[in-house]
Amino acid sequence: IGSGPDGFAELRRFLGAFLEVYRTYGPVIRAWMEGQIGDTEVDRLGVKAFSSISEELAARMRTVGAVVDDAVAVTALMAMIERFSYVVASRRMVGDDDSVIDTLAHIVHRGFFGAPGAAAAD
């Protein structure tokens, strides 16, 4: 995910897809994130999914050099995306999907991928 408009578009697509998955599988994702799974196989799959996403995001963060510690940044990013999706999916936030996804995408793009500002991403 680069700091330019293509990187913003890629990130926005990822966040939109994540929100859709969260709407469908939110309770499972929350259980994985909170370590509440009693089934070791399901827990293993959750850790594998989280690790796969984390590794890809960390690699992209390293490419642009936007954060000091990509492991800490990925944990912060995943926590923010998960909680944000929870709030949106549980209808505790008023707003249309385009508005909420654009807002999150701008925050994440600028903060985690070194984008120069919203105007450059538009």
C-alpha atoms as a PDB file:
ATOM      1  CA  ILE A   1       0.000   0.000   0.000  1.00  0.00           C
ATOM      2  CA  GLY A   2       1.888   2.981  -1.262  1.00  0.00           C
ATOM      3  CA  SER A   3       1.472   6.560  -0.141  1.00  0.00           C
ATOM      4  CA  GLY A   4      -0.146   7.698  -3.407  1.00  0.00           C
ATOM      5  CA  PRO A   5      -3.664   7.483  -4.833  1.00  0.00           C
ATOM      6  CA  ASP A   6      -3.278   3.843  -5.933  1.00  0.00           C
ATOM      7  CA  GLY A   7      -2.269   2.851  -2.401  1.00  0.00           C
ATOM      8  CA  PHE A   8      -5.256   4.703  -0.987  1.00  0.00           C
ATOM      9  CA  ALA A   9      -7.596   2.930  -3.412  1.00  0.00           C
ATOM     10  CA  GLU A  10      -6.089  -0.464  -2.531  1.00  0.00           C
ATOM     11  CA  LEU A  11      -6.442   0.238   1.193  1.00  0.00           C
ATOM     12  CA  ARG A  12     -10.006   1.450   0.757  1.00  0.00           C
ATOM     13  CA  ARG A  13     -10.931  -1.761  -1.091  1.00  0.00           C
ATOM     14  CA  PHE A  14      -9.375  -3.851   1.701  1.00  0.00           C
ATOM     15  CA  LEU A  15     -11.240  -1.927   4.417  1.00  0.00           C
ATOM     16  CA  GLY A  16     -14.549  -2.184   2.547  1.00  0.00           C
ATOM     17  CA  ALA A  17     -14.092  -5.927   2.115  1.00  0.00           C
ATOM     18  CA  PHE A  18     -13.098  -6.323   5.769  1.00  0.00           C
ATOM     19  CA  LEU A  19     -16.248  -4.489   6.869  1.00  0.00           C
ATOM     20  CA  GLU A  20     -18.414  -6.769   4.746  1.00  0.00           C
ATOM     21  CA  VAL A  21     -16.748  -9.863   6.184  1.00  0.00           C
ATOM     22  CA  TYR A  22     -17.136  -8.404   9.670  1.00  0.00           C
ATOM     23  CA  ARG A  23     -20.844  -7.858   9.157  1.00  0.00           C
ATOM     24  CA  THR A  24     -21.192 -11.543   8.337  1.00  0.00           C
ATOM     25  CA  TYR A  25     -18.672 -13.083  10.736  1.00  0.00           C
ATOM     26  CA  GLY A  26     -18.252 -10.418  13.431  1.00  0.00           C
ATOM     27  CA  PRO A  27     -18.940 -12.709  16.399  1.00  0.00           C
ATOM     28  CA  VAL A  28     -16.325 -15.193  15.174  1.00  0.00           C
ATOM     29  CA  ILE A  29     -13.760 -12.453  14.516  1.00  0.00           C
ATOM     30  CA  ARG A  30     -14.347 -10.982  17.986  1.00  0.00           C
ATOM     31  CA  ALA A  31     -13.914 -14.398  19.581  1.00  0.00           C
ATOM     32  CA  TRP A  32     -10.620 -14.872  17.688  1.00  0.00           C
ATOM     33  CA  MET A  33      -9.371 -11.397  18.603  1.00  0.00           C
ATOM     34  CA  GLU A  34     -10.315 -11.837  22.258  1.00  0.00           C
ATOM     35  CA  GLY A  35      -8.968 -15.390  22.556  1.00  0.00           C
ATOM     36  CA  GLN A  36     -12.325 -16.846  23.600  1.00  0.00           C
ATOM     37  CA  ILE A  37     -12.291 -19.917  21.375  1.00  0.00           C
ATOM     38  CA  GLY A  38     -12.454 -23.247  23.206  1.00  0.00           C
ATOM     39  CA  ASP A  39     -11.846 -25.308  20.074  1.00  0.00           C
ATOM     40  CA  THR A  40      -8.119 -25.534  19.358  1.00  0.00           C
ATOM     41  CA  GLU A  41      -8.610 -26.060  15.605  1.00  0.00           C
ATOM     42  CA  VAL A  42     -10.824 -22.983  15.277  1.00  0.00           C
ATOM     43  CA  ASP A  43      -8.367 -21.029  17.429  1.00  0.00           C
ATOM     44  CA  ARG A  44      -5.496 -22.183  15.181  1.00  0.00           C
ATOM     45  CA  LEU A  45      -7.381 -20.998  12.082  1.00  0.00           C
ATOM     46  CA  GLY A  46      -8.032 -17.609  13.688  1.00  0.00           C
ATOM     47  CA  VAL A  47      -4.378 -17.158  14.596  1.00  0.00           C
ATOM     48  CA  LYS A  48      -3.371 -18.240  11.081  1.00  0.00           C
ATOM     49  CA  ALA A  49      -5.762 -15.723   9.472  1.00  0.00           C
ATOM     50  CA  PHE A  50      -4.640 -12.894  11.778  1.00  0.00           C
ATOM     51  CA  SER A  51      -0.970 -13.763  11.193  1.00  0.00           C
ATOM     52  CA  SER A  52      -1.404 -13.833   7.419  1.00  0.00           C
ATOM     53  CA  ILE A  53      -3.061 -10.421   7.338  1.00  0.00           C
ATOM     54  CA  SER A  54      -0.524  -9.036   9.835  1.00  0.00           C
ATOM     55  CA  GLU A  55       2.481 -10.275   7.866  1.00  0.00           C
ATOM     56  CA  GLU A  56       1.196  -8.719   4.649  1.00  0.00           C
ATOM     57  CA  LEU A  57       0.447  -5.383   6.303  1.00  0.00           C
ATOM     58  CA  ALA A  58       3.837  -5.361   8.070  1.00  0.00           C
ATOM     59  CA  ALA A  59       5.630  -6.020   4.782  1.00  0.00           C
ATOM     60  CA  ARG A  60       3.805  -3.131   3.165  1.00  0.00           C
ATOM     61  CA  MET A  61       4.574  -0.842   6.100  1.00  0.00           C
ATOM     62  CA  ARG A  62       8.274  -1.743   5.861  1.00  0.00           C
ATOM     63  CA  THR A  63       8.231  -0.894   2.144  1.00  0.00           C
ATOM     64  CA  VAL A  64       7.129   2.681   2.772  1.00  0.00           C
ATOM     65  CA  GLY A  65       8.991   3.096   6.079  1.00  0.00           C
ATOM     66  CA  ALA A  66       6.097   4.945   7.692  1.00  0.00           C
ATOM     67  CA  VAL A  67       6.318   3.381  11.177  1.00  0.00           C
ATOM     68  CA  VAL A  68       9.109   2.693  13.649  1.00  0.00           C
ATOM     69  CA  ASP A  69       8.003  -0.789  14.747  1.00  0.00           C
ATOM     70  CA  ASP A  70       5.812  -2.553  12.209  1.00  0.00           C
ATOM     71  CA  ALA A  71       4.834  -5.363  14.636  1.00  0.00           C
ATOM     72  CA  VAL A  72       3.426  -2.839  17.102  1.00  0.00           C
ATOM     73  CA  ALA A  73       1.876  -0.809  14.279  1.00  0.00           C
ATOM     74  CA  VAL A  74       0.136  -3.879  12.806  1.00  0.00           C
ATOM     75  CA  THR A  75      -1.302  -4.780  16.213  1.00  0.00           C
ATOM     76  CA  ALA A  76      -2.590  -1.226  16.645  1.00  0.00           C
ATOM     77  CA  LEU A  77      -3.953  -1.154  13.097  1.00  0.00           C
ATOM     78  CA  MET A  78      -5.752  -4.507  13.384  1.00  0.00           C
ATOM     79  CA  ALA A  79      -7.256  -3.517  16.745  1.00  0.00           C
ATOM     80  CA  MET A  80      -8.471  -0.225  15.290  1.00  0.00           C
ATOM     81  CA  ILE A  81      -9.956  -1.874  12.187  1.00  0.00           C
ATOM     82  CA  GLU A  82     -11.677  -4.590  14.232  1.00  0.00           C
ATOM     83  CA  ARG A  83     -13.216  -2.162  16.752  1.00  0.00           C
ATOM     84  CA  PHE A  84     -14.177   0.288  14.018  1.00  0.00           C
ATOM     85  CA  SER A  85     -15.901  -2.506  12.103  1.00  0.00           C
ATOM     86  CA  TYR A  86     -17.669  -3.612  15.277  1.00  0.00           C
ATOM     87  CA  VAL A  87     -19.055  -0.112  15.850  1.00  0.00           C
ATOM     88  CA  VAL A  88     -20.196   0.206  12.228  1.00  0.00           C
ATOM     89  CA  ALA A  89     -21.656  -3.318  11.986  1.00  0.00           C
ATOM     90  CA  SER A  90     -23.501  -2.991  15.291  1.00  0.00           C
ATOM     91  CA  ARG A  91     -25.044   0.253  13.994  1.00  0.00           C
ATOM     92  CA  ARG A  92     -23.584   2.305  16.840  1.00  0.00           C
ATOM     93  CA  MET A  93     -22.286   4.755  14.265  1.00  0.00           C
ATOM     94  CA  VAL A  94     -24.528   6.717  11.979  1.00  0.00           C
ATOM     95  CA  GLY A  95     -23.259   7.186   8.456  1.00  0.00           C
ATOM     96  CA  ASP A  96     -23.240   5.598   5.056  1.00  0.00           C
ATOM     97  CA  ASP A  97     -20.585   3.029   4.166  1.00  0.00           C
ATOM     98  CA  ASP A  98     -18.767   5.304   1.722  1.00  0.00           C
ATOM     99  CA  SER A  99     -18.360   7.996   4.359  1.00  0.00           C
ATOM    100  CA  VAL A 100     -17.166   5.706   7.152  1.00  0.00           C
ATOM    101  CA  ILE A 101     -14.821   3.701   4.891  1.00  0.00           C
ATOM    102  CA  ASP A 102     -13.365   6.886   3.373  1.00  0.00           C
ATOM    103  CA  THR A 103     -12.762   8.321   6.842  1.00  0.00           C
ATOM    104  CA  LEU A 104     -11.035   5.188   8.123  1.00  0.00           C
ATOM    105  CA  ALA A 105      -9.041   4.827   4.904  1.00  0.00           C
ATOM    106  CA  HIS A 106      -7.720   8.394   5.183  1.00  0.00           C
ATOM    107  CA  ILE A 107      -6.717   7.927   8.830  1.00  0.00           C
ATOM    108  CA  VAL A 108      -4.993   4.603   8.178  1.00  0.00           C
ATOM    109  CA  HIS A 109      -3.374   5.660   4.909  1.00  0.00           C
ATOM    110  CA  ARG A 110      -1.855   8.776   6.359  1.00  0.00           C
ATOM    111  CA  GLY A 111      -0.883   7.318   9.733  1.00  0.00           C
ATOM    112  CA  PHE A 112       0.329   3.847   8.844  1.00  0.00           C
ATOM    113  CA  PHE A 113       1.491   4.187   5.252  1.00  0.00           C
ATOM    114  CA  GLY A 114       3.012   7.653   5.221  1.00  0.00           C
ATOM    115  CA  ALA A 115       0.581   9.321   2.857  1.00  0.00           C
ATOM    116  CA  PRO A 116       1.210  13.069   2.603  1.00  0.00           C
ATOM    117  CA  GLY A 117      -2.434  14.039   3.141  1.00  0.00           C
ATOM    118  CA  ALA A 118      -5.989  13.501   2.005  1.00  0.00           C
ATOM    119  CA  ALA A 119      -5.664  15.713  -1.056  1.00  0.00           C
ATOM    120  CA  ALA A 120      -2.935  13.504  -2.513  1.00  0.00           C
ATOM    121  CA  ALA A 121      -5.022  10.370  -1.929  1.00  0.00           C
ATOM    122  CA  ASP A 122      -8.153  11.734  -3.590  1.00  0.00           C
END
